[in-house]
Amino acid sequence: MKGVQYMCDTGGRFFRTSFHSPILRIGLLLGVVVAATGCDKLGLGDNGSPTAPSPPAPGSAIFYTAVGASDAAGVGSSAECVPFTDCPNGMGYVPVTVRALKAQGFTVTSLNGGIPTTVIGPDFGALGAMYGRIIVGSMIETQMPFVQTNATVVTIFAGVNEILTIRAALGGGAGGSDPNAFIDAQVRAFANDYATLLTGIRARAGSPRIVILNVPNAAGMPFMAGASLADRQAAQRMAVGMSKTVVNQLVSSSVTVIDMMCDGRSYAPSNYSSDGLHPNDPGYAFISSEVVKAITQRSYPAPQASCAGMTIVP
């Protein structure tokens, strides 16, 4: 599998440079999963996680599972990774985080479930299929069942592919005369999927330290620089809804949220690859630096209630 290249265009459609059949691409990625693995309503507070985990002791063992999409696989970096395989030299935020933790003296056993195009739940997969997006499964279906049962740390990054999916649906006429109502309904679906995902992770791993990255405002990311005002306003509504009303509300003694939305580095063109959507090596390095802090520090700042990143477009 060395040299496999995954790409995603600025419309969020997935393609693989060495294969031309969508079915073949889907079969390949799901085959990797099978071969490598052996085949309160919003989850707020500590419900389902009665014991808040402490930061790992210096020099201790960390069992780390990453749940994510192309970002976890490092698409856009100088060294991408194949899902569910060891990728010690990868440049996505997951392998960079593993190396940084090892450099601090921890022993790290990692499982990177990041699959390009993945969405959080099958409902977003079905929505994407209706509007021509290729989506290879969902985190609930293809990653949650394989979280390490002894995981002490789980990271989750979802939201951007869901925004691309909702945009495709709006472009295809979904929402009719009230696109905002459609967007808000999808944000509620995102919340329900997050509750399912967290419940499933805790059912497998007990009480790991869970680190969630909230959703940056897609309207401020380089790939949307040329989009219409209406398109950017819609993307902003999606992202702010997902971050402010869903992910940020998950903060608890066992869940840390990294505030990607209010971090100016999330919008710096220098942190993105040529497609303006996926981070480059410096972009992944900044994400990793925050993940490492969230894993190792006893106290990590809660996401901001308001910031300039929430109102990038009027």
C-alpha atoms as a PDB file:
ATOM      1  CA  MET A   1       0.000   0.000   0.000  1.00  0.00           C
ATOM      2  CA  LYS A   2       3.010   2.289  -0.013  1.00  0.00           C
ATOM      3  CA  GLY A   3       2.477   5.416  -2.067  1.00  0.00           C
ATOM      4  CA  VAL A   4      -1.324   5.364  -1.947  1.00  0.00           C
ATOM      5  CA  GLN A   5      -2.631   8.859  -2.591  1.00  0.00           C
ATOM      6  CA  TYR A   6      -6.036  10.092  -1.458  1.00  0.00           C
ATOM      7  CA  MET A   7      -7.388  13.361  -2.800  1.00  0.00           C
ATOM      8  CA  CYS A   8     -10.486  15.425  -2.142  1.00  0.00           C
ATOM      9  CA  ASP A   9     -11.536  18.244  -4.417  1.00  0.00           C
ATOM     10  CA  THR A  10     -12.863  21.538  -3.113  1.00  0.00           C
ATOM     11  CA  GLY A  11     -16.389  20.208  -3.511  1.00  0.00           C
ATOM     12  CA  GLY A  12     -15.541  17.461  -1.063  1.00  0.00           C
ATOM     13  CA  ARG A  13     -15.684  14.633  -3.605  1.00  0.00           C
ATOM     14  CA  PHE A  14     -13.265  11.806  -3.011  1.00  0.00           C
ATOM     15  CA  PHE A  15     -11.087  10.218  -5.619  1.00  0.00           C
ATOM     16  CA  ARG A  16      -7.956   8.079  -5.549  1.00  0.00           C
ATOM     17  CA  THR A  17      -5.256   8.791  -8.076  1.00  0.00           C
ATOM     18  CA  SER A  18      -4.315   5.176  -8.782  1.00  0.00           C
ATOM     19  CA  PHE A  19      -7.874   3.800  -9.124  1.00  0.00           C
ATOM     20  CA  HIS A  20     -10.719   5.104 -11.239  1.00  0.00           C
ATOM     21  CA  SER A  21     -13.692   3.022 -10.099  1.00  0.00           C
ATOM     22  CA  PRO A  22     -15.627   4.395  -7.108  1.00  0.00           C
ATOM     23  CA  ILE A  23     -16.651   0.851  -6.153  1.00  0.00           C
ATOM     24  CA  LEU A  24     -13.034  -0.279  -6.236  1.00  0.00           C
ATOM     25  CA  ARG A  25     -12.012   2.651  -4.043  1.00  0.00           C
ATOM     26  CA  ILE A  26     -14.739   1.917  -1.501  1.00  0.00           C
ATOM     27  CA  GLY A  27     -13.905  -1.790  -1.478  1.00  0.00           C
ATOM     28  CA  LEU A  28     -10.228  -1.025  -0.955  1.00  0.00           C
ATOM     29  CA  LEU A  29     -10.767   1.187   2.079  1.00  0.00           C
ATOM     30  CA  LEU A  30     -13.326  -1.084   3.699  1.00  0.00           C
ATOM     31  CA  GLY A  31     -11.016  -4.014   3.004  1.00  0.00           C
ATOM     32  CA  VAL A  32      -8.254  -2.206   4.861  1.00  0.00           C
ATOM     33  CA  VAL A  33     -10.580  -1.820   7.846  1.00  0.00           C
ATOM     34  CA  VAL A  34     -11.536  -5.497   7.910  1.00  0.00           C
ATOM     35  CA  ALA A  35      -8.008  -6.755   7.362  1.00  0.00           C
ATOM     36  CA  ALA A  36      -6.440  -4.505   9.948  1.00  0.00           C
ATOM     37  CA  THR A  37      -9.055  -4.944  12.681  1.00  0.00           C
ATOM     38  CA  GLY A  38     -10.151  -8.547  12.314  1.00  0.00           C
ATOM     39  CA  CYS A  39     -12.972  -7.914  10.779  1.00  0.00           C
ATOM     40  CA  ASP A  40     -28.204  12.791  28.829  1.00  0.00           C
ATOM     41  CA  LYS A  41     -29.329  12.945  25.009  1.00  0.00           C
ATOM     42  CA  LEU A  42     -26.286  14.894  23.731  1.00  0.00           C
ATOM     43  CA  GLY A  43     -23.797  13.044  25.913  1.00  0.00           C
ATOM     44  CA  LEU A  44     -23.295  16.161  28.016  1.00  0.00           C
ATOM     45  CA  GLY A  45     -21.408  16.168  31.271  1.00  0.00           C
ATOM     46  CA  ASP A  46     -20.064  12.865  32.514  1.00  0.00           C
ATOM     47  CA  ASN A  47     -23.118  10.702  31.859  1.00  0.00           C
ATOM     48  CA  GLY A  48     -21.832   7.298  30.861  1.00  0.00           C
ATOM     49  CA  SER A  49     -18.337   8.210  32.064  1.00  0.00           C
ATOM     50  CA  PRO A  50     -18.469   8.238  35.878  1.00  0.00           C
ATOM     51  CA  THR A  51     -14.738   8.437  36.472  1.00  0.00           C
ATOM     52  CA  ALA A  52     -12.911  11.423  35.038  1.00  0.00           C
ATOM     53  CA  PRO A  53      -9.507  10.278  33.775  1.00  0.00           C
ATOM     54  CA  SER A  54      -6.354  12.001  34.943  1.00  0.00           C
ATOM     55  CA  PRO A  55      -3.603  13.061  32.544  1.00  0.00           C
ATOM     56  CA  PRO A  56      -1.155  10.244  31.856  1.00  0.00           C
ATOM     57  CA  ALA A  57       1.673  10.034  34.343  1.00  0.00           C
ATOM     58  CA  PRO A  58       5.116  10.916  32.958  1.00  0.00           C
ATOM     59  CA  GLY A  59       6.631   7.940  31.196  1.00  0.00           C
ATOM     60  CA  SER A  60       3.415   5.910  31.321  1.00  0.00           C
ATOM     61  CA  ALA A  61       1.742   3.913  28.577  1.00  0.00           C
ATOM     62  CA  ILE A  62      -0.859   5.616  26.386  1.00  0.00           C
ATOM     63  CA  PHE A  63      -3.297   3.635  24.271  1.00  0.00           C
ATOM     64  CA  TYR A  64      -4.556   6.103  21.681  1.00  0.00           C
ATOM     65  CA  THR A  65      -7.377   5.667  19.168  1.00  0.00           C
ATOM     66  CA  ALA A  66      -8.044   8.414  16.624  1.00  0.00           C
ATOM     67  CA  VAL A  67     -11.533   8.711  15.139  1.00  0.00           C
ATOM     68  CA  GLY A  68     -11.646  10.992  12.119  1.00  0.00           C
ATOM     69  CA  ALA A  69     -11.562  11.456   8.380  1.00  0.00           C
ATOM     70  CA  SER A  70      -8.947  12.671   5.880  1.00  0.00           C
ATOM     71  CA  ASP A  71      -7.388  14.925   8.523  1.00  0.00           C
ATOM     72  CA  ALA A  72      -6.441  11.911  10.646  1.00  0.00           C
ATOM     73  CA  ALA A  73      -5.019  10.224   7.534  1.00  0.00           C
ATOM     74  CA  GLY A  74      -3.009  13.356   6.747  1.00  0.00           C
ATOM     75  CA  VAL A  75      -4.461  14.155   3.331  1.00  0.00           C
ATOM     76  CA  GLY A  76      -2.710  17.293   2.095  1.00  0.00           C
ATOM     77  CA  SER A  77       0.482  16.578   4.003  1.00  0.00           C
ATOM     78  CA  SER A  78       3.811  15.400   2.607  1.00  0.00           C
ATOM     79  CA  ALA A  79       3.220  11.879   3.996  1.00  0.00           C
ATOM     80  CA  GLU A  80      -0.312  10.506   4.027  1.00  0.00           C
ATOM     81  CA  CYS A  81      -1.364   7.320   5.830  1.00  0.00           C
ATOM     82  CA  VAL A  82      -3.546   4.333   4.962  1.00  0.00           C
ATOM     83  CA  PRO A  83      -6.355   3.852   7.504  1.00  0.00           C
ATOM     84  CA  PHE A  84      -5.853   1.321  10.312  1.00  0.00           C
ATOM     85  CA  THR A  85      -2.196   0.755   9.478  1.00  0.00           C
ATOM     86  CA  ASP A  86       0.960   1.735  11.302  1.00  0.00           C
ATOM     87  CA  CYS A  87       2.299   4.956   9.783  1.00  0.00           C
ATOM     88  CA  PRO A  88       5.219   6.085  11.952  1.00  0.00           C
ATOM     89  CA  ASN A  89       6.448   8.713   9.493  1.00  0.00           C
ATOM     90  CA  GLY A  90       3.063  10.194   8.600  1.00  0.00           C
ATOM     91  CA  MET A  91       2.588  13.953   8.718  1.00  0.00           C
ATOM     92  CA  GLY A  92      -1.113  14.134   9.605  1.00  0.00           C
ATOM     93  CA  TYR A  93      -1.937  15.308  13.104  1.00  0.00           C
ATOM     94  CA  VAL A  94      -2.337  11.759  14.463  1.00  0.00           C
ATOM     95  CA  PRO A  95       1.140  10.369  13.691  1.00  0.00           C
ATOM     96  CA  VAL A  96       2.693  13.746  14.555  1.00  0.00           C
ATOM     97  CA  THR A  97       0.924  13.562  17.924  1.00  0.00           C
ATOM     98  CA  VAL A  98       2.160  10.012  18.506  1.00  0.00           C
ATOM     99  CA  ARG A  99       5.753  11.053  17.831  1.00  0.00           C
ATOM    100  CA  ALA A 100       5.434  14.089  20.103  1.00  0.00           C
ATOM    101  CA  LEU A 101       4.076  11.968  22.957  1.00  0.00           C
ATOM    102  CA  LYS A 102       6.891   9.458  22.522  1.00  0.00           C
ATOM    103  CA  ALA A 103       9.402  12.320  22.561  1.00  0.00           C
ATOM    104  CA  GLN A 104       7.987  13.294  25.963  1.00  0.00           C
ATOM    105  CA  GLY A 105       8.773   9.814  27.260  1.00  0.00           C
ATOM    106  CA  PHE A 106       5.390   8.112  26.907  1.00  0.00           C
ATOM    107  CA  THR A 107       4.987   4.633  25.472  1.00  0.00           C
ATOM    108  CA  VAL A 108       2.266   4.934  22.833  1.00  0.00           C
ATOM    109  CA  THR A 109       0.196   2.232  21.181  1.00  0.00           C
ATOM    110  CA  SER A 110      -2.003   3.876  18.568  1.00  0.00           C
ATOM    111  CA  LEU A 111      -4.822   2.976  16.204  1.00  0.00           C
ATOM    112  CA  ASN A 112      -5.620   5.547  13.519  1.00  0.00           C
ATOM    113  CA  GLY A 113      -9.108   4.976  12.156  1.00  0.00           C
ATOM    114  CA  GLY A 114      -9.183   8.063   9.942  1.00  0.00           C
ATOM    115  CA  ILE A 115     -10.761   7.230   6.570  1.00  0.00           C
ATOM    116  CA  PRO A 116     -10.990   9.939   3.890  1.00  0.00           C
ATOM    117  CA  THR A 117     -14.562  11.118   3.109  1.00  0.00           C
ATOM    118  CA  THR A 118     -15.936   9.613   6.335  1.00  0.00           C
ATOM    119  CA  VAL A 119     -18.872  11.372   8.000  1.00  0.00           C
ATOM    120  CA  ILE A 120     -19.989  10.991  11.592  1.00  0.00           C
ATOM    121  CA  GLY A 121     -23.142   8.943  11.017  1.00  0.00           C
ATOM    122  CA  PRO A 122     -24.891   6.897   8.322  1.00  0.00           C
ATOM    123  CA  ASP A 123     -27.584   9.561   7.952  1.00  0.00           C
ATOM    124  CA  PHE A 124     -24.998  11.951   6.496  1.00  0.00           C
ATOM    125  CA  GLY A 125     -23.725   9.139   4.287  1.00  0.00           C
ATOM    126  CA  ALA A 126     -27.231   8.630   2.920  1.00  0.00           C
ATOM    127  CA  LEU A 127     -27.669  12.364   2.391  1.00  0.00           C
ATOM    128  CA  GLY A 128     -24.390  12.549   0.498  1.00  0.00           C
ATOM    129  CA  ALA A 129     -25.349   9.604  -1.708  1.00  0.00           C
ATOM    130  CA  MET A 130     -28.519  11.440  -2.724  1.00  0.00           C
ATOM    131  CA  TYR A 131     -26.464  14.348  -4.028  1.00  0.00           C
ATOM    132  CA  GLY A 132     -23.530  12.651  -5.743  1.00  0.00           C
ATOM    133  CA  ARG A 133     -20.916  12.607  -2.975  1.00  0.00           C
ATOM    134  CA  ILE A 134     -18.757   9.535  -2.493  1.00  0.00           C
ATOM    135  CA  ILE A 135     -18.638   8.757   1.228  1.00  0.00           C
ATOM    136  CA  VAL A 136     -16.845   5.680   2.519  1.00  0.00           C
ATOM    137  CA  GLY A 137     -18.909   4.821   5.574  1.00  0.00           C
ATOM    138  CA  SER A 138     -19.332   6.646   8.856  1.00  0.00           C
ATOM    139  CA  MET A 139     -17.410   6.909  12.090  1.00  0.00           C
ATOM    140  CA  ILE A 140     -20.260   5.189  13.906  1.00  0.00           C
ATOM    141  CA  GLU A 141     -20.185   2.236  11.494  1.00  0.00           C
ATOM    142  CA  THR A 142     -16.519   1.826  10.528  1.00  0.00           C
ATOM    143  CA  GLN A 143     -14.526   3.281  13.427  1.00  0.00           C
ATOM    144  CA  MET A 144     -16.507   3.190  16.676  1.00  0.00           C
ATOM    145  CA  PRO A 145     -16.690  -0.662  16.682  1.00  0.00           C
ATOM    146  CA  PHE A 146     -12.883  -0.884  16.501  1.00  0.00           C
ATOM    147  CA  VAL A 147     -11.833   1.588  19.197  1.00  0.00           C
ATOM    148  CA  GLN A 148      -9.187  -0.073  21.353  1.00  0.00           C
ATOM    149  CA  THR A 149     -10.927  -1.669  24.329  1.00  0.00           C
ATOM    150  CA  ASN A 150      -8.023  -0.520  26.495  1.00  0.00           C
ATOM    151  CA  ALA A 151      -7.906   2.987  24.997  1.00  0.00           C
ATOM    152  CA  THR A 152      -6.808   5.632  27.492  1.00  0.00           C
ATOM    153  CA  VAL A 153      -7.126   8.459  24.944  1.00  0.00           C
ATOM    154  CA  VAL A 154      -9.567   8.889  22.058  1.00  0.00           C
ATOM    155  CA  THR A 155      -9.543  11.889  19.737  1.00  0.00           C
ATOM    156  CA  ILE A 156     -12.466  12.811  17.481  1.00  0.00           C
ATOM    157  CA  PHE A 157     -12.547  15.289  14.609  1.00  0.00           C
ATOM    158  CA  ALA A 158     -15.816  15.487  12.677  1.00  0.00           C
ATOM    159  CA  GLY A 159     -17.789  18.235  10.989  1.00  0.00           C
ATOM    160  CA  VAL A 160     -16.039  19.405   7.839  1.00  0.00           C
ATOM    161  CA  ASN A 161     -17.206  16.529   5.621  1.00  0.00           C
ATOM    162  CA  GLU A 162     -20.679  16.987   7.056  1.00  0.00           C
ATOM    163  CA  ILE A 163     -20.588  20.648   6.001  1.00  0.00           C
ATOM    164  CA  LEU A 164     -19.535  19.621   2.483  1.00  0.00           C
ATOM    165  CA  THR A 165     -22.408  17.128   2.419  1.00  0.00           C
ATOM    166  CA  ILE A 166     -24.987  19.700   3.528  1.00  0.00           C
ATOM    167  CA  ARG A 167     -23.646  22.176   0.944  1.00  0.00           C
ATOM    168  CA  ALA A 168     -24.067  19.541  -1.782  1.00  0.00           C
ATOM    169  CA  ALA A 169     -27.636  18.924  -0.648  1.00  0.00           C
ATOM    170  CA  LEU A 170     -28.468  22.634  -0.637  1.00  0.00           C
ATOM    171  CA  GLY A 171     -26.941  22.943  -4.089  1.00  0.00           C
ATOM    172  CA  GLY A 172     -29.222  20.140  -5.229  1.00  0.00           C
ATOM    173  CA  GLY A 173     -32.339  21.879  -3.971  1.00  0.00           C
ATOM    174  CA  ALA A 174     -32.680  20.475  -0.454  1.00  0.00           C
ATOM    175  CA  GLY A 175     -34.227  22.941   1.951  1.00  0.00           C
ATOM    176  CA  GLY A 176     -36.407  24.523  -0.701  1.00  0.00           C
ATOM    177  CA  SER A 177     -37.399  28.034   0.291  1.00  0.00           C
ATOM    178  CA  ASP A 178     -36.079  27.655   3.850  1.00  0.00           C
ATOM    179  CA  PRO A 179     -32.432  26.515   3.683  1.00  0.00           C
ATOM    180  CA  ASN A 180     -31.786  27.699   7.235  1.00  0.00           C
ATOM    181  CA  ALA A 181     -34.375  25.291   8.614  1.00  0.00           C
ATOM    182  CA  PHE A 182     -32.725  22.489   6.650  1.00  0.00           C
ATOM    183  CA  ILE A 183     -29.289  23.444   8.008  1.00  0.00           C
ATOM    184  CA  ASP A 184     -30.590  23.553  11.581  1.00  0.00           C
ATOM    185  CA  ALA A 185     -32.150  20.109  11.176  1.00  0.00           C
ATOM    186  CA  GLN A 186     -28.791  18.741  10.009  1.00  0.00           C
ATOM    187  CA  VAL A 187     -27.064  20.300  13.015  1.00  0.00           C
ATOM    188  CA  ARG A 188     -29.536  18.450  15.256  1.00  0.00           C
ATOM    189  CA  ALA A 189     -28.752  15.237  13.377  1.00  0.00           C
ATOM    190  CA  PHE A 190     -25.045  15.913  13.961  1.00  0.00           C
ATOM    191  CA  ALA A 191     -25.779  16.231  17.694  1.00  0.00           C
ATOM    192  CA  ASN A 192     -27.633  12.918  17.757  1.00  0.00           C
ATOM    193  CA  ASP A 193     -24.802  11.202  15.912  1.00  0.00           C
ATOM    194  CA  TYR A 194     -22.248  12.614  18.345  1.00  0.00           C
ATOM    195  CA  ALA A 195     -24.262  11.215  21.262  1.00  0.00           C
ATOM    196  CA  THR A 196     -24.293   7.795  19.597  1.00  0.00           C
ATOM    197  CA  LEU A 197     -20.579   7.943  18.856  1.00  0.00           C
ATOM    198  CA  LEU A 198     -19.616   8.882  22.414  1.00  0.00           C
ATOM    199  CA  THR A 199     -21.892   6.239  23.903  1.00  0.00           C
ATOM    200  CA  GLY A 200     -20.348   3.592  21.677  1.00  0.00           C
ATOM    201  CA  ILE A 201     -16.789   4.639  22.470  1.00  0.00           C
ATOM    202  CA  ARG A 202     -17.473   4.506  26.198  1.00  0.00           C
ATOM    203  CA  ALA A 203     -19.169   1.115  25.845  1.00  0.00           C
ATOM    204  CA  ARG A 204     -15.974  -0.274  24.300  1.00  0.00           C
ATOM    205  CA  ALA A 205     -13.278   1.572  26.228  1.00  0.00           C
ATOM    206  CA  GLY A 206     -14.890   2.566  29.532  1.00  0.00           C
ATOM    207  CA  SER A 207     -13.625   5.977  30.596  1.00  0.00           C
ATOM    208  CA  PRO A 208     -10.846   7.146  28.271  1.00  0.00           C
ATOM    209  CA  ARG A 209      -9.756  10.756  28.097  1.00  0.00           C
ATOM    210  CA  ILE A 210     -11.750  12.032  25.095  1.00  0.00           C
ATOM    211  CA  VAL A 211     -10.347  14.956  23.128  1.00  0.00           C
ATOM    212  CA  ILE A 212     -12.701  16.497  20.561  1.00  0.00           C
ATOM    213  CA  LEU A 213     -11.753  19.106  17.987  1.00  0.00           C
ATOM    214  CA  ASN A 214     -14.635  21.439  17.264  1.00  0.00           C
ATOM    215  CA  VAL A 215     -15.459  22.610  13.742  1.00  0.00           C
ATOM    216  CA  PRO A 216     -13.661  25.580  12.220  1.00  0.00           C
ATOM    217  CA  ASN A 217     -15.795  28.094  10.355  1.00  0.00           C
ATOM    218  CA  ALA A 218     -15.666  26.743   6.819  1.00  0.00           C
ATOM    219  CA  ALA A 219     -16.611  30.191   5.508  1.00  0.00           C
ATOM    220  CA  GLY A 220     -13.170  31.400   6.532  1.00  0.00           C
ATOM    221  CA  MET A 221     -11.191  28.490   5.094  1.00  0.00           C
ATOM    222  CA  PRO A 222      -9.275  29.116   1.857  1.00  0.00           C
ATOM    223  CA  PHE A 223     -11.302  26.682  -0.267  1.00  0.00           C
ATOM    224  CA  MET A 224     -14.372  28.915   0.129  1.00  0.00           C
ATOM    225  CA  ALA A 225     -12.639  32.186  -0.706  1.00  0.00           C
ATOM    226  CA  GLY A 226     -14.384  32.402  -4.078  1.00  0.00           C
ATOM    227  CA  ALA A 227     -17.803  31.178  -2.949  1.00  0.00           C
ATOM    228  CA  SER A 228     -20.877  33.386  -3.047  1.00  0.00           C
ATOM    229  CA  LEU A 229     -21.924  35.303   0.042  1.00  0.00           C
ATOM    230  CA  ALA A 230     -25.009  33.111   0.441  1.00  0.00           C
ATOM    231  CA  ASP A 231     -22.894  29.963   0.251  1.00  0.00           C
ATOM    232  CA  ARG A 232     -20.449  31.266   2.835  1.00  0.00           C
ATOM    233  CA  GLN A 233     -23.281  32.384   5.125  1.00  0.00           C
ATOM    234  CA  ALA A 234     -24.777  28.906   4.942  1.00  0.00           C
ATOM    235  CA  ALA A 235     -21.428  27.257   5.682  1.00  0.00           C
ATOM    236  CA  GLN A 236     -20.933  29.577   8.647  1.00  0.00           C
ATOM    237  CA  ARG A 237     -24.382  28.713  10.018  1.00  0.00           C
ATOM    238  CA  MET A 238     -23.522  25.007   9.797  1.00  0.00           C
ATOM    239  CA  ALA A 239     -20.116  25.319  11.438  1.00  0.00           C
ATOM    240  CA  VAL A 240     -21.198  27.647  14.233  1.00  0.00           C
ATOM    241  CA  GLY A 241     -24.204  25.447  14.941  1.00  0.00           C
ATOM    242  CA  MET A 242     -22.051  22.323  15.124  1.00  0.00           C
ATOM    243  CA  SER A 243     -19.346  23.892  17.272  1.00  0.00           C
ATOM    244  CA  LYS A 244     -21.285  26.231  19.552  1.00  0.00           C
ATOM    245  CA  THR A 245     -24.455  24.234  20.154  1.00  0.00           C
ATOM    246  CA  VAL A 246     -23.109  20.681  19.875  1.00  0.00           C
ATOM    247  CA  VAL A 247     -19.386  20.096  20.361  1.00  0.00           C
ATOM    248  CA  ASN A 248     -18.648  22.904  22.819  1.00  0.00           C
ATOM    249  CA  GLN A 249     -21.470  21.655  25.030  1.00  0.00           C
ATOM    250  CA  LEU A 250     -19.677  18.333  25.479  1.00  0.00           C
ATOM    251  CA  VAL A 251     -16.950  19.807  27.696  1.00  0.00           C
ATOM    252  CA  SER A 252     -16.729  17.947  30.993  1.00  0.00           C
ATOM    253  CA  SER A 253     -14.164  16.472  33.350  1.00  0.00           C
ATOM    254  CA  SER A 254     -13.682  13.603  30.886  1.00  0.00           C
ATOM    255  CA  VAL A 255     -14.085  15.484  27.594  1.00  0.00           C
ATOM    256  CA  THR A 256     -11.731  18.209  26.415  1.00  0.00           C
ATOM    257  CA  VAL A 257     -12.691  20.349  23.430  1.00  0.00           C
ATOM    258  CA  ILE A 258     -10.016  21.982  21.276  1.00  0.00           C
ATOM    259  CA  ASP A 259     -11.338  25.292  19.978  1.00  0.00           C
ATOM    260  CA  MET A 260     -10.520  25.161  16.278  1.00  0.00           C
ATOM    261  CA  MET A 261     -13.273  27.674  15.501  1.00  0.00           C
ATOM    262  CA  CYS A 262     -11.769  30.461  17.602  1.00  0.00           C
ATOM    263  CA  ASP A 263      -8.120  29.758  16.760  1.00  0.00           C
ATOM    264  CA  GLY A 264      -6.883  32.160  14.091  1.00  0.00           C
ATOM    265  CA  ARG A 265      -4.491  29.508  12.800  1.00  0.00           C
ATOM    266  CA  SER A 266      -7.519  27.614  11.452  1.00  0.00           C
ATOM    267  CA  TYR A 267      -7.923  30.309   8.788  1.00  0.00           C
ATOM    268  CA  ALA A 268      -4.320  31.071   7.819  1.00  0.00           C
ATOM    269  CA  PRO A 269      -3.786  30.153   4.140  1.00  0.00           C
ATOM    270  CA  SER A 270      -0.207  29.184   4.988  1.00  0.00           C
ATOM    271  CA  ASN A 271      -1.568  26.253   7.007  1.00  0.00           C
ATOM    272  CA  TYR A 272      -3.392  24.704   4.045  1.00  0.00           C
ATOM    273  CA  SER A 273      -2.426  22.559   1.101  1.00  0.00           C
ATOM    274  CA  SER A 274      -3.077  23.653  -2.464  1.00  0.00           C
ATOM    275  CA  ASP A 275      -6.740  22.607  -2.352  1.00  0.00           C
ATOM    276  CA  GLY A 276      -7.439  25.113   0.435  1.00  0.00           C
ATOM    277  CA  LEU A 277      -9.369  22.428   2.324  1.00  0.00           C
ATOM    278  CA  HIS A 278      -6.836  20.045   3.824  1.00  0.00           C
ATOM    279  CA  PRO A 279      -4.022  21.229   6.102  1.00  0.00           C
ATOM    280  CA  ASN A 280      -0.398  21.006   4.998  1.00  0.00           C
ATOM    281  CA  ASP A 281       2.482  19.951   7.250  1.00  0.00           C
ATOM    282  CA  PRO A 282       2.516  23.228   9.265  1.00  0.00           C
ATOM    283  CA  GLY A 283      -1.270  23.065   9.593  1.00  0.00           C
ATOM    284  CA  TYR A 284      -1.191  19.543  10.950  1.00  0.00           C
ATOM    285  CA  ALA A 285       1.667  20.498  13.273  1.00  0.00           C
ATOM    286  CA  PHE A 286      -0.450  23.250  14.851  1.00  0.00           C
ATOM    287  CA  ILE A 287      -3.381  20.844  15.326  1.00  0.00           C
ATOM    288  CA  SER A 288      -1.086  18.237  16.854  1.00  0.00           C
ATOM    289  CA  SER A 289       0.409  20.754  19.271  1.00  0.00           C
ATOM    290  CA  GLU A 290      -3.054  21.400  20.712  1.00  0.00           C
ATOM    291  CA  VAL A 291      -3.938  17.702  20.831  1.00  0.00           C
ATOM    292  CA  VAL A 292      -0.764  16.937  22.773  1.00  0.00           C
ATOM    293  CA  LYS A 293      -1.563  19.686  25.284  1.00  0.00           C
ATOM    294  CA  ALA A 294      -5.132  18.462  25.644  1.00  0.00           C
ATOM    295  CA  ILE A 295      -3.907  14.924  26.329  1.00  0.00           C
ATOM    296  CA  THR A 296      -1.114  15.726  28.752  1.00  0.00           C
ATOM    297  CA  GLN A 297      -2.253  18.814  30.676  1.00  0.00           C
ATOM    298  CA  ARG A 298      -4.532  18.563  33.692  1.00  0.00           C
ATOM    299  CA  SER A 299      -6.198  21.859  32.768  1.00  0.00           C
ATOM    300  CA  TYR A 300      -6.965  22.882  29.190  1.00  0.00           C
ATOM    301  CA  PRO A 301      -8.984  26.025  28.327  1.00  0.00           C
ATOM    302  CA  ALA A 302     -12.646  25.571  27.469  1.00  0.00           C
ATOM    303  CA  PRO A 303     -13.817  26.795  24.049  1.00  0.00           C
ATOM    304  CA  GLN A 304     -14.849  30.430  23.831  1.00  0.00           C
ATOM    305  CA  ALA A 305     -18.519  31.382  23.961  1.00  0.00           C
ATOM    306  CA  SER A 306     -17.991  33.933  21.184  1.00  0.00           C
ATOM    307  CA  CYS A 307     -15.135  35.045  18.959  1.00  0.00           C
ATOM    308  CA  ALA A 308     -14.374  36.593  15.582  1.00  0.00           C
ATOM    309  CA  GLY A 309     -14.234  33.130  14.042  1.00  0.00           C
ATOM    310  CA  MET A 310     -17.978  32.772  14.515  1.00  0.00           C
ATOM    311  CA  THR A 311     -18.814  35.874  12.479  1.00  0.00           C
ATOM    312  CA  ILE A 312     -16.400  35.808   9.566  1.00  0.00           C
ATOM    313  CA  VAL A 313     -19.170  36.688   7.105  1.00  0.00           C
ATOM    314  CA  PRO A 314     -22.036  39.110   7.869  1.00  0.00           C
END
